[in-house]
Amino acid sequence: MVINMENSYRFFENRECKYFPCHKGLSDFNCLFCYCPMYGREKCPGNPRYVEKEGRKLKICTDCTFPHQPENYDSIIQILKNRD
């Protein structure tokens, strides 16, 4: 089902960005969280993978579309409100 989203405080799509879309497979692509606000959190609802490089654990979110799915806005805001 394709939903035509309008730009607002909950959703922003920037088709002019040279990286758009940075992930494939979404019909409505929310650019609002271009840099994922959950990147620094160990626990997030996305599907990151972790690799070790030079003794450091790196979070790789290349295949994660969670913050770009418009329906996840409320979940992201709730996660950011919690300080864990």
PDB file of N, CA and C in Angstrom:
ATOM      1  N   MET A   1       0.846  -1.178   0.000  1.00  0.00           N
ATOM      2  CA  MET A   1       0.000   0.000   0.000  1.00  0.00           C
ATOM      3  C   MET A   1       0.893   1.244   0.000  1.00  0.00           C
ATOM      4  N   VAL A   2       0.678   2.144  -0.932  1.00  0.00           N
ATOM      5  CA  VAL A   2       1.443   3.375  -1.024  1.00  0.00           C
ATOM      6  C   VAL A   2       0.659   4.489  -0.351  1.00  0.00           C
ATOM      7  N   ILE A   3       1.290   5.159   0.595  1.00  0.00           N
ATOM      8  CA  ILE A   3       0.689   6.286   1.298  1.00  0.00           C
ATOM      9  C   ILE A   3       1.434   7.526   0.837  1.00  0.00           C
ATOM     10  N   ASN A   4       0.711   8.530   0.399  1.00  0.00           N
ATOM     11  CA  ASN A   4       1.365   9.764  -0.024  1.00  0.00           C
ATOM     12  C   ASN A   4       1.541  10.646   1.197  1.00  0.00           C
ATOM     13  N   MET A   5       2.749  10.715   1.711  1.00  0.00           N
ATOM     14  CA  MET A   5       3.045  11.496   2.908  1.00  0.00           C
ATOM     15  C   MET A   5       3.405  12.924   2.503  1.00  0.00           C
ATOM     16  N   GLU A   6       2.982  13.885   3.312  1.00  0.00           N
ATOM     17  CA  GLU A   6       3.361  15.273   3.100  1.00  0.00           C
ATOM     18  C   GLU A   6       4.461  15.638   4.086  1.00  0.00           C
ATOM     19  N   ASN A   7       5.375  16.507   3.669  1.00  0.00           N
ATOM     20  CA  ASN A   7       6.425  16.965   4.575  1.00  0.00           C
ATOM     21  C   ASN A   7       5.798  17.672   5.773  1.00  0.00           C
ATOM     22  N   SER A   8       6.276  17.343   6.965  1.00  0.00           N
ATOM     23  CA  SER A   8       5.758  17.911   8.205  1.00  0.00           C
ATOM     24  C   SER A   8       6.811  17.704   9.289  1.00  0.00           C
ATOM     25  N   TYR A   9       6.434  17.962  10.546  1.00  0.00           N
ATOM     26  CA  TYR A   9       7.371  17.721  11.641  1.00  0.00           C
ATOM     27  C   TYR A   9       7.613  16.231  11.859  1.00  0.00           C
ATOM     28  N   ARG A  10       6.752  15.368  11.334  1.00  0.00           N
ATOM     29  CA  ARG A  10       6.864  13.917  11.491  1.00  0.00           C
ATOM     30  C   ARG A  10       7.492  13.218  10.287  1.00  0.00           C
ATOM     31  N   PHE A  11       7.548  13.911   9.171  1.00  0.00           N
ATOM     32  CA  PHE A  11       7.983  13.264   7.937  1.00  0.00           C
ATOM     33  C   PHE A  11       8.618  14.302   7.022  1.00  0.00           C
ATOM     34  N   PHE A  12       9.749  13.934   6.428  1.00  0.00           N
ATOM     35  CA  PHE A  12      10.406  14.805   5.465  1.00  0.00           C
ATOM     36  C   PHE A  12      11.107  13.930   4.445  1.00  0.00           C
ATOM     37  N   GLU A  13      10.797  14.141   3.166  1.00  0.00           N
ATOM     38  CA  GLU A  13      11.446  13.383   2.102  1.00  0.00           C
ATOM     39  C   GLU A  13      12.195  14.358   1.205  1.00  0.00           C
ATOM     40  N   ASN A  14      13.501  14.138   1.065  1.00  0.00           N
ATOM     41  CA  ASN A  14      14.335  15.021   0.262  1.00  0.00           C
ATOM     42  C   ASN A  14      14.831  14.279  -0.981  1.00  0.00           C
ATOM     43  N   ARG A  15      14.041  14.306  -2.020  1.00  0.00           N
ATOM     44  CA  ARG A  15      14.411  13.626  -3.267  1.00  0.00           C
ATOM     45  C   ARG A  15      15.554  14.322  -3.988  1.00  0.00           C
ATOM     46  N   GLU A  16      15.905  15.529  -3.585  1.00  0.00           N
ATOM     47  CA  GLU A  16      17.001  16.270  -4.198  1.00  0.00           C
ATOM     48  C   GLU A  16      18.372  15.885  -3.618  1.00  0.00           C
ATOM     49  N   CYS A  17      18.366  15.152  -2.510  1.00  0.00           N
ATOM     50  CA  CYS A  17      19.613  14.721  -1.876  1.00  0.00           C
ATOM     51  C   CYS A  17      20.376  13.799  -2.815  1.00  0.00           C
ATOM     52  N   LYS A  18      21.673  13.994  -2.913  1.00  0.00           N
ATOM     53  CA  LYS A  18      22.462  13.158  -3.831  1.00  0.00           C
ATOM     54  C   LYS A  18      22.540  11.709  -3.365  1.00  0.00           C
ATOM     55  N   TYR A  19      22.179  11.434  -2.115  1.00  0.00           N
ATOM     56  CA  TYR A  19      22.208  10.067  -1.596  1.00  0.00           C
ATOM     57  C   TYR A  19      20.825   9.406  -1.604  1.00  0.00           C
ATOM     58  N   PHE A  20      19.801  10.144  -2.025  1.00  0.00           N
ATOM     59  CA  PHE A  20      18.437   9.605  -1.989  1.00  0.00           C
ATOM     60  C   PHE A  20      18.230   8.557  -3.067  1.00  0.00           C
ATOM     61  N   PRO A  21      17.636   7.441  -2.728  1.00  0.00           N
ATOM     62  CA  PRO A  21      17.435   6.945  -1.378  1.00  0.00           C
ATOM     63  C   PRO A  21      18.687   6.224  -0.897  1.00  0.00           C
ATOM     64  N   CYS A  22      19.022   6.411   0.350  1.00  0.00           N
ATOM     65  CA  CYS A  22      20.225   5.763   0.884  1.00  0.00           C
ATOM     66  C   CYS A  22      19.966   4.286   1.180  1.00  0.00           C
ATOM     67  N   HIS A  23      18.716   3.899   1.243  1.00  0.00           N
ATOM     68  CA  HIS A  23      18.321   2.499   1.404  1.00  0.00           C
ATOM     69  C   HIS A  23      17.260   2.198   0.355  1.00  0.00           C
ATOM     70  N   LYS A  24      17.244   1.006  -0.156  1.00  0.00           N
ATOM     71  CA  LYS A  24      16.283   0.604  -1.192  1.00  0.00           C
ATOM     72  C   LYS A  24      15.072  -0.076  -0.565  1.00  0.00           C
ATOM     73  N   GLY A  25      13.962  -0.062  -1.295  1.00  0.00           N
ATOM     74  CA  GLY A  25      12.814  -0.870  -0.913  1.00  0.00           C
ATOM     75  C   GLY A  25      11.686  -0.155  -0.196  1.00  0.00           C
ATOM     76  N   LEU A  26      11.761   1.139   0.011  1.00  0.00           N
ATOM     77  CA  LEU A  26      10.684   1.856   0.684  1.00  0.00           C
ATOM     78  C   LEU A  26       9.977   2.774  -0.306  1.00  0.00           C
ATOM     79  N   SER A  27       8.647   2.782  -0.270  1.00  0.00           N
ATOM     80  CA  SER A  27       7.914   3.669  -1.168  1.00  0.00           C
ATOM     81  C   SER A  27       7.801   5.072  -0.571  1.00  0.00           C
ATOM     82  N   ASP A  28       7.564   5.173   0.724  1.00  0.00           N
ATOM     83  CA  ASP A  28       7.592   6.455   1.437  1.00  0.00           C
ATOM     84  C   ASP A  28       8.845   6.449   2.281  1.00  0.00           C
ATOM     85  N   PHE A  29       9.748   7.354   2.000  1.00  0.00           N
ATOM     86  CA  PHE A  29      11.071   7.348   2.621  1.00  0.00           C
ATOM     87  C   PHE A  29      11.223   8.575   3.506  1.00  0.00           C
ATOM     88  N   ASN A  30      11.271   8.381   4.819  1.00  0.00           N
ATOM     89  CA  ASN A  30      11.378   9.491   5.753  1.00  0.00           C
ATOM     90  C   ASN A  30      12.846   9.853   5.968  1.00  0.00           C
ATOM     91  N   CYS A  31      13.225  11.032   5.508  1.00  0.00           N
ATOM     92  CA  CYS A  31      14.597  11.528   5.650  1.00  0.00           C
ATOM     93  C   CYS A  31      14.788  12.302   6.960  1.00  0.00           C
ATOM     94  N   LEU A  32      13.726  12.435   7.745  1.00  0.00           N
ATOM     95  CA  LEU A  32      13.789  13.209   8.977  1.00  0.00           C
ATOM     96  C   LEU A  32      14.924  12.729   9.882  1.00  0.00           C
ATOM     97  N   PHE A  33      15.090  11.430   9.968  1.00  0.00           N
ATOM     98  CA  PHE A  33      16.161  10.858  10.788  1.00  0.00           C
ATOM     99  C   PHE A  33      17.281  10.367   9.871  1.00  0.00           C
ATOM    100  N   CYS A  34      17.756  11.245   9.025  1.00  0.00           N
ATOM    101  CA  CYS A  34      18.824  10.908   8.079  1.00  0.00           C
ATOM    102  C   CYS A  34      19.993  10.281   8.838  1.00  0.00           C
ATOM    103  N   TYR A  35      20.444  10.948   9.873  1.00  0.00           N
ATOM    104  CA  TYR A  35      21.427  10.353  10.773  1.00  0.00           C
ATOM    105  C   TYR A  35      20.614   9.756  11.906  1.00  0.00           C
ATOM    106  N   CYS A  36      20.660   8.476  12.065  1.00  0.00           N
ATOM    107  CA  CYS A  36      19.811   7.788  13.037  1.00  0.00           C
ATOM    108  C   CYS A  36      20.118   8.230  14.465  1.00  0.00           C
ATOM    109  N   PRO A  37      19.111   8.739  15.174  1.00  0.00           N
ATOM    110  CA  PRO A  37      19.335   9.171  16.552  1.00  0.00           C
ATOM    111  C   PRO A  37      19.563   8.006  17.510  1.00  0.00           C
ATOM    112  N   MET A  38      19.385   6.787  17.033  1.00  0.00           N
ATOM    113  CA  MET A  38      19.594   5.612  17.884  1.00  0.00           C
ATOM    114  C   MET A  38      20.941   4.947  17.622  1.00  0.00           C
ATOM    115  N   TYR A  39      21.745   5.542  16.753  1.00  0.00           N
ATOM    116  CA  TYR A  39      23.025   4.935  16.392  1.00  0.00           C
ATOM    117  C   TYR A  39      23.905   4.684  17.622  1.00  0.00           C
ATOM    118  N   GLY A  40      23.929   5.599  18.535  1.00  0.00           N
ATOM    119  CA  GLY A  40      24.781   5.467  19.710  1.00  0.00           C
ATOM    120  C   GLY A  40      24.230   4.551  20.787  1.00  0.00           C
ATOM    121  N   ARG A  41      23.055   4.030  20.591  1.00  0.00           N
ATOM    122  CA  ARG A  41      22.435   3.151  21.588  1.00  0.00           C
ATOM    123  C   ARG A  41      22.734   1.687  21.271  1.00  0.00           C
ATOM    124  N   GLU A  42      23.071   0.960  22.296  1.00  0.00           N
ATOM    125  CA  GLU A  42      23.323  -0.469  22.123  1.00  0.00           C
ATOM    126  C   GLU A  42      22.045  -1.183  21.686  1.00  0.00           C
ATOM    127  N   LYS A  43      20.938  -0.847  22.360  1.00  0.00           N
ATOM    128  CA  LYS A  43      19.655  -1.472  22.037  1.00  0.00           C
ATOM    129  C   LYS A  43      18.855  -0.521  21.152  1.00  0.00           C
ATOM    130  N   CYS A  44      18.487  -1.004  19.987  1.00  0.00           N
ATOM    131  CA  CYS A  44      17.624  -0.221  19.112  1.00  0.00           C
ATOM    132  C   CYS A  44      16.714  -1.202  18.384  1.00  0.00           C
ATOM    133  N   PRO A  45      15.575  -0.738  17.895  1.00  0.00           N
ATOM    134  CA  PRO A  45      14.623  -1.649  17.257  1.00  0.00           C
ATOM    135  C   PRO A  45      14.971  -1.998  15.808  1.00  0.00           C
ATOM    136  N   GLY A  46      16.013  -1.431  15.294  1.00  0.00           N
ATOM    137  CA  GLY A  46      16.416  -1.718  13.917  1.00  0.00           C
ATOM    138  C   GLY A  46      17.120  -3.062  13.811  1.00  0.00           C
ATOM    139  N   ASN A  47      17.812  -3.253  12.717  1.00  0.00           N
ATOM    140  CA  ASN A  47      18.518  -4.524  12.516  1.00  0.00           C
ATOM    141  C   ASN A  47      19.997  -4.283  12.198  1.00  0.00           C
ATOM    142  N   PRO A  48      20.702  -3.656  13.143  1.00  0.00           N
ATOM    143  CA  PRO A  48      22.130  -3.432  12.890  1.00  0.00           C
ATOM    144  C   PRO A  48      22.913  -4.741  13.008  1.00  0.00           C
ATOM    145  N   ARG A  49      24.080  -4.722  12.445  1.00  0.00           N
ATOM    146  CA  ARG A  49      25.015  -5.826  12.687  1.00  0.00           C
ATOM    147  C   ARG A  49      26.267  -5.196  13.278  1.00  0.00           C
ATOM    148  N   TYR A  50      27.032  -5.995  13.946  1.00  0.00           N
ATOM    149  CA  TYR A  50      28.230  -5.502  14.616  1.00  0.00           C
ATOM    150  C   TYR A  50      29.457  -6.209  14.069  1.00  0.00           C
ATOM    151  N   VAL A  51      30.510  -5.446  13.867  1.00  0.00           N
ATOM    152  CA  VAL A  51      31.788  -6.013  13.441  1.00  0.00           C
ATOM    153  C   VAL A  51      32.866  -5.466  14.367  1.00  0.00           C
ATOM    154  N   GLU A  52      33.922  -6.224  14.494  1.00  0.00           N
ATOM    155  CA  GLU A  52      35.043  -5.759  15.297  1.00  0.00           C
ATOM    156  C   GLU A  52      36.155  -5.325  14.355  1.00  0.00           C
ATOM    157  N   LYS A  53      36.667  -4.152  14.622  1.00  0.00           N
ATOM    158  CA  LYS A  53      37.756  -3.619  13.805  1.00  0.00           C
ATOM    159  C   LYS A  53      38.749  -2.956  14.734  1.00  0.00           C
ATOM    160  N   GLU A  54      39.983  -3.397  14.656  1.00  0.00           N
ATOM    161  CA  GLU A  54      41.066  -2.852  15.470  1.00  0.00           C
ATOM    162  C   GLU A  54      40.701  -2.817  16.960  1.00  0.00           C
ATOM    163  N   GLY A  55      40.049  -3.879  17.413  1.00  0.00           N
ATOM    164  CA  GLY A  55      39.692  -4.002  18.818  1.00  0.00           C
ATOM    165  C   GLY A  55      38.465  -3.224  19.247  1.00  0.00           C
ATOM    166  N   ARG A  56      37.778  -2.607  18.299  1.00  0.00           N
ATOM    167  CA  ARG A  56      36.568  -1.838  18.614  1.00  0.00           C
ATOM    168  C   ARG A  56      35.360  -2.486  17.959  1.00  0.00           C
ATOM    169  N   LYS A  57      34.239  -2.443  18.654  1.00  0.00           N
ATOM    170  CA  LYS A  57      32.984  -2.964  18.128  1.00  0.00           C
ATOM    171  C   LYS A  57      32.275  -1.837  17.379  1.00  0.00           C
ATOM    172  N   LEU A  58      32.019  -2.043  16.086  1.00  0.00           N
ATOM    173  CA  LEU A  58      31.361  -1.033  15.260  1.00  0.00           C
ATOM    174  C   LEU A  58      29.939  -1.465  14.908  1.00  0.00           C
ATOM    175  N   LYS A  59      29.024  -0.537  14.995  1.00  0.00           N
ATOM    176  CA  LYS A  59      27.631  -0.788  14.645  1.00  0.00           C
ATOM    177  C   LYS A  59      27.447  -0.431  13.172  1.00  0.00           C
ATOM    178  N   ILE A  60      26.974  -1.391  12.389  1.00  0.00           N
ATOM    179  CA  ILE A  60      26.773  -1.204  10.957  1.00  0.00           C
ATOM    180  C   ILE A  60      25.263  -1.223  10.679  1.00  0.00           C
ATOM    181  N   CYS A  61      24.753  -0.115  10.175  1.00  0.00           N
ATOM    182  CA  CYS A  61      23.310   0.031   9.975  1.00  0.00           C
ATOM    183  C   CYS A  61      22.929   0.125   8.499  1.00  0.00           C
ATOM    184  N   THR A  62      23.806  -0.301   7.630  1.00  0.00           N
ATOM    185  CA  THR A  62      23.598  -0.184   6.190  1.00  0.00           C
ATOM    186  C   THR A  62      22.279  -0.791   5.728  1.00  0.00           C
ATOM    187  N   ASP A  63      21.886  -1.904   6.302  1.00  0.00           N
ATOM    188  CA  ASP A  63      20.672  -2.601   5.864  1.00  0.00           C
ATOM    189  C   ASP A  63      19.444  -2.254   6.698  1.00  0.00           C
ATOM    190  N   CYS A  64      19.548  -1.285   7.581  1.00  0.00           N
ATOM    191  CA  CYS A  64      18.439  -0.928   8.464  1.00  0.00           C
ATOM    192  C   CYS A  64      17.625   0.218   7.867  1.00  0.00           C
ATOM    193  N   THR A  65      16.328   0.024   7.781  1.00  0.00           N
ATOM    194  CA  THR A  65      15.438   1.072   7.277  1.00  0.00           C
ATOM    195  C   THR A  65      14.488   1.580   8.364  1.00  0.00           C
ATOM    196  N   PHE A  66      14.609   1.087   9.585  1.00  0.00           N
ATOM    197  CA  PHE A  66      13.676   1.442  10.662  1.00  0.00           C
ATOM    198  C   PHE A  66      13.447   2.950  10.797  1.00  0.00           C
ATOM    199  N   PRO A  67      14.488   3.793  10.901  1.00  0.00           N
ATOM    200  CA  PRO A  67      14.226   5.226  11.091  1.00  0.00           C
ATOM    201  C   PRO A  67      13.656   5.913   9.840  1.00  0.00           C
ATOM    202  N   HIS A  68      13.680   5.250   8.706  1.00  0.00           N
ATOM    203  CA  HIS A  68      13.186   5.839   7.461  1.00  0.00           C
ATOM    204  C   HIS A  68      11.751   5.434   7.136  1.00  0.00           C
ATOM    205  N   GLN A  69      11.177   4.552   7.948  1.00  0.00           N
ATOM    206  CA  GLN A  69       9.797   4.133   7.736  1.00  0.00           C
ATOM    207  C   GLN A  69       8.879   5.109   8.477  1.00  0.00           C
ATOM    208  N   PRO A  70       8.008   5.829   7.763  1.00  0.00           N
ATOM    209  CA  PRO A  70       7.181   6.864   8.390  1.00  0.00           C
ATOM    210  C   PRO A  70       6.391   6.388   9.597  1.00  0.00           C
ATOM    211  N   GLU A  71       5.935   5.153   9.589  1.00  0.00           N
ATOM    212  CA  GLU A  71       5.119   4.643  10.696  1.00  0.00           C
ATOM    213  C   GLU A  71       5.914   4.452  11.987  1.00  0.00           C
ATOM    214  N   ASN A  72       7.240   4.579  11.949  1.00  0.00           N
ATOM    215  CA  ASN A  72       8.066   4.378  13.143  1.00  0.00           C
ATOM    216  C   ASN A  72       8.390   5.668  13.896  1.00  0.00           C
ATOM    217  N   TYR A  73       7.868   6.797  13.448  1.00  0.00           N
ATOM    218  CA  TYR A  73       8.159   8.084  14.103  1.00  0.00           C
ATOM    219  C   TYR A  73       7.856   8.031  15.602  1.00  0.00           C
ATOM    220  N   ASP A  74       6.651   7.598  15.981  1.00  0.00           N
ATOM    221  CA  ASP A  74       6.267   7.576  17.401  1.00  0.00           C
ATOM    222  C   ASP A  74       7.172   6.656  18.221  1.00  0.00           C
ATOM    223  N   SER A  75       7.536   5.520  17.662  1.00  0.00           N
ATOM    224  CA  SER A  75       8.435   4.595  18.373  1.00  0.00           C
ATOM    225  C   SER A  75       9.798   5.238  18.626  1.00  0.00           C
ATOM    226  N   ILE A  76      10.324   5.932  17.637  1.00  0.00           N
ATOM    227  CA  ILE A  76      11.631   6.587  17.783  1.00  0.00           C
ATOM    228  C   ILE A  76      11.578   7.669  18.851  1.00  0.00           C
ATOM    229  N   ILE A  77      10.525   8.483  18.826  1.00  0.00           N
ATOM    230  CA  ILE A  77      10.381   9.536  19.831  1.00  0.00           C
ATOM    231  C   ILE A  77      10.287   8.933  21.222  1.00  0.00           C
ATOM    232  N   GLN A  78       9.561   7.847  21.378  1.00  0.00           N
ATOM    233  CA  GLN A  78       9.424   7.183  22.683  1.00  0.00           C
ATOM    234  C   GLN A  78      10.776   6.642  23.152  1.00  0.00           C
ATOM    235  N   ILE A  79      11.533   6.059  22.266  1.00  0.00           N
ATOM    236  CA  ILE A  79      12.865   5.537  22.603  1.00  0.00           C
ATOM    237  C   ILE A  79      13.772   6.683  23.058  1.00  0.00           C
ATOM    238  N   LEU A  80      13.712   7.803  22.365  1.00  0.00           N
ATOM    239  CA  LEU A  80      14.566   8.948  22.719  1.00  0.00           C
ATOM    240  C   LEU A  80      14.175   9.565  24.059  1.00  0.00           C
ATOM    241  N   LYS A  81      12.915   9.438  24.438  1.00  0.00           N
ATOM    242  CA  LYS A  81      12.461   9.954  25.733  1.00  0.00           C
ATOM    243  C   LYS A  81      12.999   9.124  26.889  1.00  0.00           C
ATOM    244  N   ASN A  82      13.186   7.828  26.646  1.00  0.00           N
ATOM    245  CA  ASN A  82      13.724   6.927  27.673  1.00  0.00           C
ATOM    246  C   ASN A  82      15.234   7.054  27.700  1.00  0.00           C
ATOM    247  N   ARG A  83      15.793   7.133  28.863  1.00  0.00           N
ATOM    248  CA  ARG A  83      17.247   7.362  28.998  1.00  0.00           C
ATOM    249  C   ARG A  83      17.998   6.097  29.389  1.00  0.00           C
ATOM    250  N   ASP A  84      17.821   5.043  28.644  1.00  0.00           N
ATOM    251  CA  ASP A  84      18.566   3.825  28.996  1.00  0.00           C
ATOM    252  C   ASP A  84      19.722   3.581  28.073  1.00  0.00           C
TER     253      ASP A  84
END
